[in-house]
Structure formats: C-alpha cells, structure tokens
Amino acid sequence: MESNKHDRLFLEILKEQRSIVTFLDSVFGFLYRCTDFFQHQNDSSGKVGFPGGVANGVVQKLFQRYENQIHYEKQAAILGN
C-alpha cells in the first residue's frame, strides 16, 4: 500500500482544519455520512456495515500500528541505526 499517495491532499485538509482533532473529526464525519463504516450488520448477507466492534477494532489496530512505528524509530535512533 502506498502510504504517502494522498499526503498533499491530507496536508491541505489539515491546514484548513487547523488541528489534529478537527481533522480526525472530519475524517470520521465523512465515514459517517458517506460510508457504512458505523453501521452494524443486521443480517447474515454481510453487505452493509461491520459486525459489532469490528470498526472500532480496525481503528485501534491502525492506531497501534503507527504508535509502534514511532516506538521502533525512537529505539533505532537511540541505537544509532
């Protein structure tokens, strides 16, 4: 996955929002208005939303991924790598 593909667009949005909190609020607001990210599956078809707790798990997993990344980068800097 190309992690920096949309950096310029995200930076423009972040400049407009002026804070990380309002930027994240915009991201989650977009997901709420324009996707089924917050919808819970009502039937076994699995075509809309996620099973309960899955969306939250996705967010937590991605947050943890980047939190771990900064930890590893700090460790590498300390060790001179």
C-alpha atoms as a PDB file:
ATOM      1  CA  MET A   1       0.000   0.000   0.000  1.00  0.00           C
ATOM      2  CA  GLU A   2       1.351   3.408  -0.971  1.00  0.00           C
ATOM      3  CA  SER A   3       1.180   5.223   2.367  1.00  0.00           C
ATOM      4  CA  ASN A   4       2.076   8.695   1.113  1.00  0.00           C
ATOM      5  CA  LYS A   5      -0.082   8.754  -2.025  1.00  0.00           C
ATOM      6  CA  HIS A   6      -2.575  11.262  -0.576  1.00  0.00           C
ATOM      7  CA  ASP A   7      -0.269  13.234   1.737  1.00  0.00           C
ATOM      8  CA  ARG A   8      -0.629  16.509  -0.160  1.00  0.00           C
ATOM      9  CA  LEU A   9      -4.415  16.305  -0.036  1.00  0.00           C
ATOM     10  CA  PHE A  10      -4.410  15.392   3.663  1.00  0.00           C
ATOM     11  CA  LEU A  11      -1.993  18.244   4.431  1.00  0.00           C
ATOM     12  CA  GLU A  12      -4.302  20.721   2.696  1.00  0.00           C
ATOM     13  CA  ILE A  13      -7.277  19.453   4.705  1.00  0.00           C
ATOM     14  CA  LEU A  14      -5.237  19.559   7.917  1.00  0.00           C
ATOM     15  CA  LYS A  15      -4.179  23.164   7.220  1.00  0.00           C
ATOM     16  CA  GLU A  16      -7.821  24.103   6.709  1.00  0.00           C
ATOM     17  CA  GLN A  17      -8.947  22.277   9.855  1.00  0.00           C
ATOM     18  CA  ARG A  18      -6.051  23.755  11.894  1.00  0.00           C
ATOM     19  CA  SER A  19      -5.829  20.915  14.403  1.00  0.00           C
ATOM     20  CA  ILE A  20      -5.472  17.150  14.509  1.00  0.00           C
ATOM     21  CA  VAL A  21      -8.717  16.801  16.477  1.00  0.00           C
ATOM     22  CA  THR A  22     -10.833  18.697  13.951  1.00  0.00           C
ATOM     23  CA  PHE A  23      -9.084  16.851  11.102  1.00  0.00           C
ATOM     24  CA  LEU A  24      -9.933  13.486  12.663  1.00  0.00           C
ATOM     25  CA  ASP A  25     -13.463  14.700  13.324  1.00  0.00           C
ATOM     26  CA  SER A  26     -13.739  15.493   9.613  1.00  0.00           C
ATOM     27  CA  VAL A  27     -12.446  12.047   8.669  1.00  0.00           C
ATOM     28  CA  PHE A  28     -14.879  10.255  10.981  1.00  0.00           C
ATOM     29  CA  GLY A  29     -17.687  12.599   9.912  1.00  0.00           C
ATOM     30  CA  PHE A  30     -17.005  11.671   6.295  1.00  0.00           C
ATOM     31  CA  LEU A  31     -17.087   7.973   7.175  1.00  0.00           C
ATOM     32  CA  TYR A  32     -20.378   8.516   9.000  1.00  0.00           C
ATOM     33  CA  ARG A  33     -22.059  10.471   6.198  1.00  0.00           C
ATOM     34  CA  CYS A  34     -20.687   8.706   3.140  1.00  0.00           C
ATOM     35  CA  THR A  35     -19.951   5.100   4.084  1.00  0.00           C
ATOM     36  CA  ASP A  36     -21.357   2.231   6.115  1.00  0.00           C
ATOM     37  CA  PHE A  37     -18.348   2.256   8.466  1.00  0.00           C
ATOM     38  CA  PHE A  38     -20.501   2.890  11.556  1.00  0.00           C
ATOM     39  CA  GLN A  39     -23.363   0.616  10.508  1.00  0.00           C
ATOM     40  CA  HIS A  40     -23.781  -2.705  12.262  1.00  0.00           C
ATOM     41  CA  GLN A  41     -24.695  -5.687  10.139  1.00  0.00           C
ATOM     42  CA  ASN A  42     -28.361  -6.553  10.598  1.00  0.00           C
ATOM     43  CA  ASP A  43     -28.428  -9.784   8.646  1.00  0.00           C
ATOM     44  CA  SER A  44     -26.205 -12.609   7.511  1.00  0.00           C
ATOM     45  CA  SER A  45     -25.737 -11.146   3.998  1.00  0.00           C
ATOM     46  CA  GLY A  46     -22.863  -9.029   5.336  1.00  0.00           C
ATOM     47  CA  LYS A  47     -23.354  -6.410   2.613  1.00  0.00           C
ATOM     48  CA  VAL A  48     -23.756  -3.360   4.862  1.00  0.00           C
ATOM     49  CA  GLY A  49     -21.564  -2.403   7.783  1.00  0.00           C
ATOM     50  CA  PHE A  50     -19.448  -4.482  10.092  1.00  0.00           C
ATOM     51  CA  PRO A  51     -20.240  -6.922  12.829  1.00  0.00           C
ATOM     52  CA  GLY A  52     -20.361  -5.164  16.198  1.00  0.00           C
ATOM     53  CA  GLY A  53     -16.951  -3.978  17.400  1.00  0.00           C
ATOM     54  CA  VAL A  54     -15.124  -4.566  14.127  1.00  0.00           C
ATOM     55  CA  ALA A  55     -14.945  -0.913  13.033  1.00  0.00           C
ATOM     56  CA  ASN A  56     -13.566   0.068  16.435  1.00  0.00           C
ATOM     57  CA  GLY A  57     -11.052  -2.776  16.174  1.00  0.00           C
ATOM     58  CA  VAL A  58      -9.888  -1.530  12.774  1.00  0.00           C
ATOM     59  CA  VAL A  59      -9.280   1.959  14.150  1.00  0.00           C
ATOM     60  CA  GLN A  60      -7.462   0.598  17.217  1.00  0.00           C
ATOM     61  CA  LYS A  61      -5.307  -1.725  15.100  1.00  0.00           C
ATOM     62  CA  LEU A  62      -4.258   1.083  12.753  1.00  0.00           C
ATOM     63  CA  PHE A  63      -3.566   3.447  15.646  1.00  0.00           C
ATOM     64  CA  GLN A  64      -1.419   0.772  17.312  1.00  0.00           C
ATOM     65  CA  ARG A  65       0.462   0.180  14.056  1.00  0.00           C
ATOM     66  CA  TYR A  66       1.691   3.770  13.898  1.00  0.00           C
ATOM     67  CA  GLU A  67       2.215   4.056  17.639  1.00  0.00           C
ATOM     68  CA  ASN A  68       4.502   1.021  17.398  1.00  0.00           C
ATOM     69  CA  GLN A  69       6.258   2.537  14.383  1.00  0.00           C
ATOM     70  CA  ILE A  70       7.248   5.668  16.304  1.00  0.00           C
ATOM     71  CA  HIS A  71       8.493   3.493  19.172  1.00  0.00           C
ATOM     72  CA  TYR A  72      10.688   1.471  16.788  1.00  0.00           C
ATOM     73  CA  GLU A  73      12.028   4.616  15.135  1.00  0.00           C
ATOM     74  CA  LYS A  74      12.967   6.117  18.502  1.00  0.00           C
ATOM     75  CA  GLN A  75      14.700   2.889  19.510  1.00  0.00           C
ATOM     76  CA  ALA A  76      16.623   2.799  16.234  1.00  0.00           C
ATOM     77  CA  ALA A  77      17.730   6.408  16.740  1.00  0.00           C
ATOM     78  CA  ILE A  78      18.956   5.607  20.246  1.00  0.00           C
ATOM     79  CA  LEU A  79      20.862   2.621  18.948  1.00  0.00           C
ATOM     80  CA  GLY A  80      22.273   4.663  16.067  1.00  0.00           C
ATOM     81  CA  ASN A  81      20.646   2.673  13.280  1.00  0.00           C
END
